Amino acid sequence: MATLLKIDDALKSRVHNLADQRRRSAHWIMLEAIQQYVDREEQREAFKKEALQSWASFQETGKHITGQEARDWLDTWGTENETAAPECQK
């Protein structure tokens, strides 16, 4: 699928300068930029969806852990005393 992308001269010049510095084609630079943007935005949307689902679950059940419980648990990661996730409470 061919897609036409119109960009202003200033941005076009920046892309070409970066392409020269990276020893890549301008086409490669633009594809890479688009790919990274789409990946980042998809991850942002997935995070937002998960947060909304978590909020809905909390409103429904009241189950949660405190911020301090989460920090204490995370502090054990990668240590000899690594612990299991704390139990949710009401």
PDB file of N, CA and C in Angstrom:
ATOM      1  N   MET A   1       0.849  -1.168   0.000  1.00  0.00           N
ATOM      2  CA  MET A   1       0.000   0.000   0.000  1.00  0.00           C
ATOM      3  C   MET A   1       0.897   1.234   0.000  1.00  0.00           C
ATOM      4  N   ALA A   2       0.782   2.023  -0.989  1.00  0.00           N
ATOM      5  CA  ALA A   2       1.560   3.256  -1.077  1.00  0.00           C
ATOM      6  C   ALA A   2       0.809   4.372  -0.361  1.00  0.00           C
ATOM      7  N   THR A   3       1.558   5.178   0.372  1.00  0.00           N
ATOM      8  CA  THR A   3       0.980   6.302   1.093  1.00  0.00           C
ATOM      9  C   THR A   3       1.823   7.529   0.820  1.00  0.00           C
ATOM     10  N   LEU A   4       1.171   8.625   0.534  1.00  0.00           N
ATOM     11  CA  LEU A   4       1.857   9.873   0.283  1.00  0.00           C
ATOM     12  C   LEU A   4       1.935  10.651   1.585  1.00  0.00           C
ATOM     13  N   LEU A   5       3.118  11.130   1.909  1.00  0.00           N
ATOM     14  CA  LEU A   5       3.318  11.893   3.125  1.00  0.00           C
ATOM     15  C   LEU A   5       3.889  13.249   2.732  1.00  0.00           C
ATOM     16  N   LYS A   6       3.137  14.297   3.002  1.00  0.00           N
ATOM     17  CA  LYS A   6       3.600  15.651   2.687  1.00  0.00           C
ATOM     18  C   LYS A   6       4.135  16.288   3.954  1.00  0.00           C
ATOM     19  N   ILE A   7       5.392  16.737   3.897  1.00  0.00           N
ATOM     20  CA  ILE A   7       5.991  17.421   5.035  1.00  0.00           C
ATOM     21  C   ILE A   7       6.586  18.743   4.557  1.00  0.00           C
ATOM     22  N   ASP A   8       6.659  19.702   5.480  1.00  0.00           N
ATOM     23  CA  ASP A   8       7.185  21.016   5.081  1.00  0.00           C
ATOM     24  C   ASP A   8       8.692  20.932   4.848  1.00  0.00           C
ATOM     25  N   ASP A   9       9.220  21.949   4.185  1.00  0.00           N
ATOM     26  CA  ASP A   9      10.633  21.941   3.796  1.00  0.00           C
ATOM     27  C   ASP A   9      11.582  21.883   4.997  1.00  0.00           C
ATOM     28  N   ALA A  10      11.219  22.551   6.090  1.00  0.00           N
ATOM     29  CA  ALA A  10      12.096  22.558   7.267  1.00  0.00           C
ATOM     30  C   ALA A  10      12.225  21.143   7.849  1.00  0.00           C
ATOM     31  N   LEU A  11      11.101  20.446   7.987  1.00  0.00           N
ATOM     32  CA  LEU A  11      11.146  19.083   8.523  1.00  0.00           C
ATOM     33  C   LEU A  11      11.845  18.150   7.536  1.00  0.00           C
ATOM     34  N   LYS A  12      11.580  18.346   6.280  1.00  0.00           N
ATOM     35  CA  LYS A  12      12.230  17.529   5.240  1.00  0.00           C
ATOM     36  C   LYS A  12      13.746  17.664   5.336  1.00  0.00           C
ATOM     37  N   SER A  13      14.212  18.880   5.535  1.00  0.00           N
ATOM     38  CA  SER A  13      15.648  19.127   5.656  1.00  0.00           C
ATOM     39  C   SER A  13      16.209  18.453   6.901  1.00  0.00           C
ATOM     40  N   ARG A  14      15.477  18.524   8.010  1.00  0.00           N
ATOM     41  CA  ARG A  14      15.919  17.876   9.242  1.00  0.00           C
ATOM     42  C   ARG A  14      16.012  16.365   9.066  1.00  0.00           C
ATOM     43  N   VAL A  15      15.025  15.784   8.402  1.00  0.00           N
ATOM     44  CA  VAL A  15      15.037  14.332   8.160  1.00  0.00           C
ATOM     45  C   VAL A  15      16.242  13.958   7.312  1.00  0.00           C
ATOM     46  N   HIS A  16      16.488  14.725   6.260  1.00  0.00           N
ATOM     47  CA  HIS A  16      17.631  14.423   5.382  1.00  0.00           C
ATOM     48  C   HIS A  16      18.961  14.596   6.118  1.00  0.00           C
ATOM     49  N   ASN A  17      19.067  15.616   6.950  1.00  0.00           N
ATOM     50  CA  ASN A  17      20.304  15.812   7.724  1.00  0.00           C
ATOM     51  C   ASN A  17      20.529  14.645   8.680  1.00  0.00           C
ATOM     52  N   LEU A  18      19.481  14.229   9.368  1.00  0.00           N
ATOM     53  CA  LEU A  18      19.593  13.102  10.288  1.00  0.00           C
ATOM     54  C   LEU A  18      19.935  11.820   9.530  1.00  0.00           C
ATOM     55  N   ALA A  19      19.311  11.636   8.388  1.00  0.00           N
ATOM     56  CA  ALA A  19      19.592  10.450   7.568  1.00  0.00           C
ATOM     57  C   ALA A  19      21.065  10.417   7.170  1.00  0.00           C
ATOM     58  N   ASP A  20      21.604  11.555   6.784  1.00  0.00           N
ATOM     59  CA  ASP A  20      23.024  11.630   6.420  1.00  0.00           C
ATOM     60  C   ASP A  20      23.904  11.292   7.622  1.00  0.00           C
ATOM     61  N   GLN A  21      23.558  11.832   8.789  1.00  0.00           N
ATOM     62  CA  GLN A  21      24.347  11.571   9.994  1.00  0.00           C
ATOM     63  C   GLN A  21      24.309  10.097  10.384  1.00  0.00           C
ATOM     64  N   ARG A  22      23.175   9.466  10.206  1.00  0.00           N
ATOM     65  CA  ARG A  22      22.997   8.063  10.600  1.00  0.00           C
ATOM     66  C   ARG A  22      23.375   7.092   9.481  1.00  0.00           C
ATOM     67  N   ARG A  23      23.704   7.643   8.328  1.00  0.00           N
ATOM     68  CA  ARG A  23      24.012   6.822   7.147  1.00  0.00           C
ATOM     69  C   ARG A  23      22.856   5.890   6.808  1.00  0.00           C
ATOM     70  N   ARG A  24      21.684   6.465   6.835  1.00  0.00           N
ATOM     71  CA  ARG A  24      20.438   5.783   6.484  1.00  0.00           C
ATOM     72  C   ARG A  24      19.733   6.615   5.435  1.00  0.00           C
ATOM     73  N   SER A  25      18.734   6.032   4.819  1.00  0.00           N
ATOM     74  CA  SER A  25      17.931   6.803   3.879  1.00  0.00           C
ATOM     75  C   SER A  25      16.900   7.622   4.642  1.00  0.00           C
ATOM     76  N   ALA A  26      16.441   8.694   4.021  1.00  0.00           N
ATOM     77  CA  ALA A  26      15.372   9.496   4.624  1.00  0.00           C
ATOM     78  C   ALA A  26      14.128   8.622   4.803  1.00  0.00           C
ATOM     79  N   HIS A  27      13.890   7.748   3.859  1.00  0.00           N
ATOM     80  CA  HIS A  27      12.760   6.827   3.936  1.00  0.00           C
ATOM     81  C   HIS A  27      12.853   5.964   5.194  1.00  0.00           C
ATOM     82  N   TRP A  28      14.036   5.431   5.477  1.00  0.00           N
ATOM     83  CA  TRP A  28      14.237   4.606   6.662  1.00  0.00           C
ATOM     84  C   TRP A  28      13.962   5.404   7.932  1.00  0.00           C
ATOM     85  N   ILE A  29      14.473   6.639   7.993  1.00  0.00           N
ATOM     86  CA  ILE A  29      14.273   7.505   9.163  1.00  0.00           C
ATOM     87  C   ILE A  29      12.782   7.738   9.396  1.00  0.00           C
ATOM     88  N   MET A  30      12.047   8.032   8.345  1.00  0.00           N
ATOM     89  CA  MET A  30      10.614   8.300   8.485  1.00  0.00           C
ATOM     90  C   MET A  30       9.850   7.046   8.904  1.00  0.00           C
ATOM     91  N   LEU A  31      10.174   5.904   8.326  1.00  0.00           N
ATOM     92  CA  LEU A  31       9.518   4.658   8.721  1.00  0.00           C
ATOM     93  C   LEU A  31       9.793   4.330  10.183  1.00  0.00           C
ATOM     94  N   GLU A  32      11.043   4.510  10.601  1.00  0.00           N
ATOM     95  CA  GLU A  32      11.421   4.240  11.983  1.00  0.00           C
ATOM     96  C   GLU A  32      10.659   5.162  12.939  1.00  0.00           C
ATOM     97  N   ALA A  33      10.557   6.428  12.589  1.00  0.00           N
ATOM     98  CA  ALA A  33       9.838   7.388  13.431  1.00  0.00           C
ATOM     99  C   ALA A  33       8.363   7.017  13.545  1.00  0.00           C
ATOM    100  N   ILE A  34       7.757   6.653  12.446  1.00  0.00           N
ATOM    101  CA  ILE A  34       6.342   6.271  12.460  1.00  0.00           C
ATOM    102  C   ILE A  34       6.146   5.009  13.282  1.00  0.00           C
ATOM    103  N   GLN A  35       7.020   4.022  13.109  1.00  0.00           N
ATOM    104  CA  GLN A  35       6.922   2.763  13.853  1.00  0.00           C
ATOM    105  C   GLN A  35       7.034   3.007  15.350  1.00  0.00           C
ATOM    106  N   GLN A  36       8.014   3.811  15.753  1.00  0.00           N
ATOM    107  CA  GLN A  36       8.193   4.096  17.172  1.00  0.00           C
ATOM    108  C   GLN A  36       6.988   4.842  17.739  1.00  0.00           C
ATOM    109  N   TYR A  37       6.449   5.782  16.985  1.00  0.00           N
ATOM    110  CA  TYR A  37       5.276   6.532  17.439  1.00  0.00           C
ATOM    111  C   TYR A  37       4.076   5.603  17.622  1.00  0.00           C
ATOM    112  N   VAL A  38       3.821   4.755  16.625  1.00  0.00           N
ATOM    113  CA  VAL A  38       2.673   3.848  16.697  1.00  0.00           C
ATOM    114  C   VAL A  38       2.845   2.868  17.852  1.00  0.00           C
ATOM    115  N   ASP A  39       4.040   2.312  18.021  1.00  0.00           N
ATOM    116  CA  ASP A  39       4.307   1.395  19.136  1.00  0.00           C
ATOM    117  C   ASP A  39       4.034   2.079  20.473  1.00  0.00           C
ATOM    118  N   ARG A  40       4.562   3.296  20.630  1.00  0.00           N
ATOM    119  CA  ARG A  40       4.398   4.031  21.887  1.00  0.00           C
ATOM    120  C   ARG A  40       2.931   4.341  22.170  1.00  0.00           C
ATOM    121  N   GLU A  41       2.197   4.760  21.151  1.00  0.00           N
ATOM    122  CA  GLU A  41       0.795   5.105  21.348  1.00  0.00           C
ATOM    123  C   GLU A  41      -0.062   3.872  21.622  1.00  0.00           C
ATOM    124  N   GLU A  42       0.268   2.741  20.990  1.00  0.00           N
ATOM    125  CA  GLU A  42      -0.450   1.496  21.289  1.00  0.00           C
ATOM    126  C   GLU A  42      -0.210   1.076  22.739  1.00  0.00           C
ATOM    127  N   GLN A  43       1.035   1.208  23.201  1.00  0.00           N
ATOM    128  CA  GLN A  43       1.341   0.874  24.589  1.00  0.00           C
ATOM    129  C   GLN A  43       0.615   1.810  25.543  1.00  0.00           C
ATOM    130  N   ARG A  44       0.546   3.084  25.192  1.00  0.00           N
ATOM    131  CA  ARG A  44      -0.162   4.057  26.030  1.00  0.00           C
ATOM    132  C   ARG A  44      -1.644   3.702  26.128  1.00  0.00           C
ATOM    133  N   GLU A  45      -2.246   3.333  25.013  1.00  0.00           N
ATOM    134  CA  GLU A  45      -3.662   2.957  25.010  1.00  0.00           C
ATOM    135  C   GLU A  45      -3.897   1.688  25.818  1.00  0.00           C
ATOM    136  N   ALA A  46      -2.987   0.712  25.705  1.00  0.00           N
ATOM    137  CA  ALA A  46      -3.115  -0.530  26.478  1.00  0.00           C
ATOM    138  C   ALA A  46      -2.995  -0.235  27.969  1.00  0.00           C
ATOM    139  N   PHE A  47      -2.074   0.643  28.347  1.00  0.00           N
ATOM    140  CA  PHE A  47      -1.908   1.022  29.748  1.00  0.00           C
ATOM    141  C   PHE A  47      -3.171   1.701  30.264  1.00  0.00           C
ATOM    142  N   LYS A  48      -3.711   2.610  29.466  1.00  0.00           N
ATOM    143  CA  LYS A  48      -4.921   3.323  29.867  1.00  0.00           C
ATOM    144  C   LYS A  48      -6.094   2.358  30.024  1.00  0.00           C
ATOM    145  N   LYS A  49      -6.216   1.407  29.096  1.00  0.00           N
ATOM    146  CA  LYS A  49      -7.293   0.421  29.174  1.00  0.00           C
ATOM    147  C   LYS A  49      -7.151  -0.422  30.436  1.00  0.00           C
ATOM    148  N   GLU A  50      -5.931  -0.862  30.737  1.00  0.00           N
ATOM    149  CA  GLU A  50      -5.694  -1.669  31.941  1.00  0.00           C
ATOM    150  C   GLU A  50      -6.005  -0.863  33.202  1.00  0.00           C
ATOM    151  N   ALA A  51      -5.625   0.412  33.209  1.00  0.00           N
ATOM    152  CA  ALA A  51      -5.900   1.256  34.375  1.00  0.00           C
ATOM    153  C   ALA A  51      -7.400   1.423  34.574  1.00  0.00           C
ATOM    154  N   LEU A  52      -8.134   1.632  33.501  1.00  0.00           N
ATOM    155  CA  LEU A  52      -9.585   1.777  33.617  1.00  0.00           C
ATOM    156  C   LEU A  52     -10.244   0.478  34.092  1.00  0.00           C
ATOM    157  N   GLN A  53      -9.730  -0.665  33.617  1.00  0.00           N
ATOM    158  CA  GLN A  53     -10.250  -1.947  34.083  1.00  0.00           C
ATOM    159  C   GLN A  53      -9.944  -2.148  35.571  1.00  0.00           C
ATOM    160  N   SER A  54      -8.744  -1.748  35.988  1.00  0.00           N
ATOM    161  CA  SER A  54      -8.381  -1.869  37.403  1.00  0.00           C
ATOM    162  C   SER A  54      -9.267  -0.968  38.260  1.00  0.00           C
ATOM    163  N   TRP A  55      -9.527   0.230  37.795  1.00  0.00           N
ATOM    164  CA  TRP A  55     -10.379   1.159  38.530  1.00  0.00           C
ATOM    165  C   TRP A  55     -11.796   0.590  38.648  1.00  0.00           C
ATOM    166  N   ALA A  56     -12.302   0.041  37.565  1.00  0.00           N
ATOM    167  CA  ALA A  56     -13.647  -0.549  37.591  1.00  0.00           C
ATOM    168  C   ALA A  56     -13.694  -1.720  38.565  1.00  0.00           C
ATOM    169  N   SER A  57     -12.652  -2.534  38.572  1.00  0.00           N
ATOM    170  CA  SER A  57     -12.593  -3.666  39.496  1.00  0.00           C
ATOM    171  C   SER A  57     -12.559  -3.182  40.942  1.00  0.00           C
ATOM    172  N   PHE A  58     -11.769  -2.148  41.203  1.00  0.00           N
ATOM    173  CA  PHE A  58     -11.705  -1.601  42.559  1.00  0.00           C
ATOM    174  C   PHE A  58     -13.067  -1.060  42.993  1.00  0.00           C
ATOM    175  N   GLN A  59     -13.733  -0.343  42.097  1.00  0.00           N
ATOM    176  CA  GLN A  59     -15.042   0.206  42.446  1.00  0.00           C
ATOM    177  C   GLN A  59     -16.048  -0.908  42.730  1.00  0.00           C
ATOM    178  N   GLU A  60     -15.906  -2.010  42.016  1.00  0.00           N
ATOM    179  CA  GLU A  60     -16.827  -3.140  42.177  1.00  0.00           C
ATOM    180  C   GLU A  60     -16.539  -3.944  43.445  1.00  0.00           C
ATOM    181  N   THR A  61     -15.247  -4.181  43.727  1.00  0.00           N
ATOM    182  CA  THR A  61     -14.888  -5.089  44.824  1.00  0.00           C
ATOM    183  C   THR A  61     -14.307  -4.391  46.051  1.00  0.00           C
ATOM    184  N   GLY A  62     -13.725  -3.235  45.845  1.00  0.00           N
ATOM    185  CA  GLY A  62     -13.056  -2.539  46.945  1.00  0.00           C
ATOM    186  C   GLY A  62     -11.687  -3.107  47.273  1.00  0.00           C
ATOM    187  N   LYS A  63     -11.277  -4.166  46.587  1.00  0.00           N
ATOM    188  CA  LYS A  63      -9.985  -4.808  46.873  1.00  0.00           C
ATOM    189  C   LYS A  63      -8.847  -3.947  46.335  1.00  0.00           C
ATOM    190  N   HIS A  64      -7.775  -3.858  47.149  1.00  0.00           N
ATOM    191  CA  HIS A  64      -6.637  -3.029  46.772  1.00  0.00           C
ATOM    192  C   HIS A  64      -5.421  -3.387  47.634  1.00  0.00           C
ATOM    193  N   ILE A  65      -4.275  -2.832  47.255  1.00  0.00           N
ATOM    194  CA  ILE A  65      -3.115  -2.808  48.137  1.00  0.00           C
ATOM    195  C   ILE A  65      -2.709  -1.343  48.250  1.00  0.00           C
ATOM    196  N   THR A  66      -2.055  -0.997  49.337  1.00  0.00           N
ATOM    197  CA  THR A  66      -1.636   0.388  49.518  1.00  0.00           C
ATOM    198  C   THR A  66      -0.362   0.653  48.712  1.00  0.00           C
ATOM    199  N   GLY A  67      -0.083   1.908  48.517  1.00  0.00           N
ATOM    200  CA  GLY A  67       1.158   2.276  47.840  1.00  0.00           C
ATOM    201  C   GLY A  67       2.371   1.792  48.598  1.00  0.00           C
ATOM    202  N   GLN A  68       2.315   1.893  49.912  1.00  0.00           N
ATOM    203  CA  GLN A  68       3.444   1.435  50.733  1.00  0.00           C
ATOM    204  C   GLN A  68       3.645  -0.067  50.604  1.00  0.00           C
ATOM    205  N   GLU A  69       2.550  -0.827  50.581  1.00  0.00           N
ATOM    206  CA  GLU A  69       2.660  -2.283  50.397  1.00  0.00           C
ATOM    207  C   GLU A  69       3.298  -2.606  49.052  1.00  0.00           C
ATOM    208  N   ALA A  70       2.909  -1.878  48.030  1.00  0.00           N
ATOM    209  CA  ALA A  70       3.485  -2.109  46.705  1.00  0.00           C
ATOM    210  C   ALA A  70       4.973  -1.774  46.700  1.00  0.00           C
ATOM    211  N   ARG A  71       5.353  -0.637  47.300  1.00  0.00           N
ATOM    212  CA  ARG A  71       6.772  -0.251  47.356  1.00  0.00           C
ATOM    213  C   ARG A  71       7.597  -1.268  48.141  1.00  0.00           C
ATOM    214  N   ASP A  72       7.061  -1.697  49.288  1.00  0.00           N
ATOM    215  CA  ASP A  72       7.786  -2.690  50.101  1.00  0.00           C
ATOM    216  C   ASP A  72       8.002  -3.975  49.320  1.00  0.00           C
ATOM    217  N   TRP A  73       6.988  -4.406  48.589  1.00  0.00           N
ATOM    218  CA  TRP A  73       7.098  -5.628  47.786  1.00  0.00           C
ATOM    219  C   TRP A  73       8.119  -5.438  46.668  1.00  0.00           C
ATOM    220  N   LEU A  74       8.020  -4.325  45.957  1.00  0.00           N
ATOM    221  CA  LEU A  74       8.937  -4.081  44.842  1.00  0.00           C
ATOM    222  C   LEU A  74      10.382  -3.964  45.317  1.00  0.00           C
ATOM    223  N   ASP A  75      10.581  -3.440  46.518  1.00  0.00           N
ATOM    224  CA  ASP A  75      11.941  -3.328  47.070  1.00  0.00           C
ATOM    225  C   ASP A  75      12.602  -4.688  47.260  1.00  0.00           C
ATOM    226  N   THR A  76      11.804  -5.765  47.340  1.00  0.00           N
ATOM    227  CA  THR A  76      12.387  -7.097  47.529  1.00  0.00           C
ATOM    228  C   THR A  76      12.793  -7.753  46.211  1.00  0.00           C
ATOM    229  N   TRP A  77      12.328  -7.205  45.115  1.00  0.00           N
ATOM    230  CA  TRP A  77      12.628  -7.815  43.813  1.00  0.00           C
ATOM    231  C   TRP A  77      14.131  -7.864  43.580  1.00  0.00           C
ATOM    232  N   GLY A  78      14.610  -9.006  43.114  1.00  0.00           N
ATOM    233  CA  GLY A  78      16.022  -9.170  42.789  1.00  0.00           C
ATOM    234  C   GLY A  78      16.912  -9.364  44.001  1.00  0.00           C
ATOM    235  N   THR A  79      16.308  -9.525  45.161  1.00  0.00           N
ATOM    236  CA  THR A  79      17.105  -9.759  46.368  1.00  0.00           C
ATOM    237  C   THR A  79      16.908 -11.208  46.823  1.00  0.00           C
ATOM    238  N   GLU A  80      17.714 -11.615  47.800  1.00  0.00           N
ATOM    239  CA  GLU A  80      17.564 -12.959  48.361  1.00  0.00           C
ATOM    240  C   GLU A  80      16.250 -13.104  49.113  1.00  0.00           C
ATOM    241  N   ASN A  81      15.682 -11.988  49.534  1.00  0.00           N
ATOM    242  CA  ASN A  81      14.452 -11.997  50.328  1.00  0.00           C
ATOM    243  C   ASN A  81      13.228 -11.603  49.502  1.00  0.00           C
ATOM    244  N   GLU A  82      13.258 -11.912  48.216  1.00  0.00           N
ATOM    245  CA  GLU A  82      12.132 -11.549  47.355  1.00  0.00           C
ATOM    246  C   GLU A  82      10.849 -12.201  47.863  1.00  0.00           C
ATOM    247  N   THR A  83       9.789 -11.423  47.964  1.00  0.00           N
ATOM    248  CA  THR A  83       8.533 -11.914  48.500  1.00  0.00           C
ATOM    249  C   THR A  83       7.468 -11.986  47.413  1.00  0.00           C
ATOM    250  N   ALA A  84       6.405 -12.711  47.715  1.00  0.00           N
ATOM    251  CA  ALA A  84       5.254 -12.793  46.810  1.00  0.00           C
ATOM    252  C   ALA A  84       4.477 -11.477  46.898  1.00  0.00           C
ATOM    253  N   ALA A  85       3.650 -11.252  45.915  1.00  0.00           N
ATOM    254  CA  ALA A  85       2.821 -10.047  45.901  1.00  0.00           C
ATOM    255  C   ALA A  85       1.931 -10.015  47.134  1.00  0.00           C
ATOM    256  N   PRO A  86       1.708  -8.832  47.695  1.00  0.00           N
ATOM    257  CA  PRO A  86       0.823  -8.756  48.867  1.00  0.00           C
ATOM    258  C   PRO A  86      -0.616  -9.094  48.506  1.00  0.00           C
ATOM    259  N   GLU A  87      -1.343  -9.594  49.480  1.00  0.00           N
ATOM    260  CA  GLU A  87      -2.762  -9.929  49.271  1.00  0.00           C
ATOM    261  C   GLU A  87      -3.571  -8.648  49.195  1.00  0.00           C
ATOM    262  N   CYS A  88      -4.562  -8.652  48.319  1.00  0.00           N
ATOM    263  CA  CYS A  88      -5.478  -7.522  48.233  1.00  0.00           C
ATOM    264  C   CYS A  88      -6.353  -7.491  49.477  1.00  0.00           C
ATOM    265  N   GLN A  89      -6.702  -6.301  49.887  1.00  0.00           N
ATOM    266  CA  GLN A  89      -7.560  -6.132  51.054  1.00  0.00           C
ATOM    267  C   GLN A  89      -8.723  -5.207  50.724  1.00  0.00           C
ATOM    268  N   LYS A  90      -9.709  -5.202  51.556  1.00  0.00           N
ATOM    269  CA  LYS A  90     -10.855  -4.303  51.361  1.00  0.00           C
ATOM    270  C   LYS A  90     -10.687  -3.084  52.217  1.00  0.00           C
TER     271      LYS A  90
END
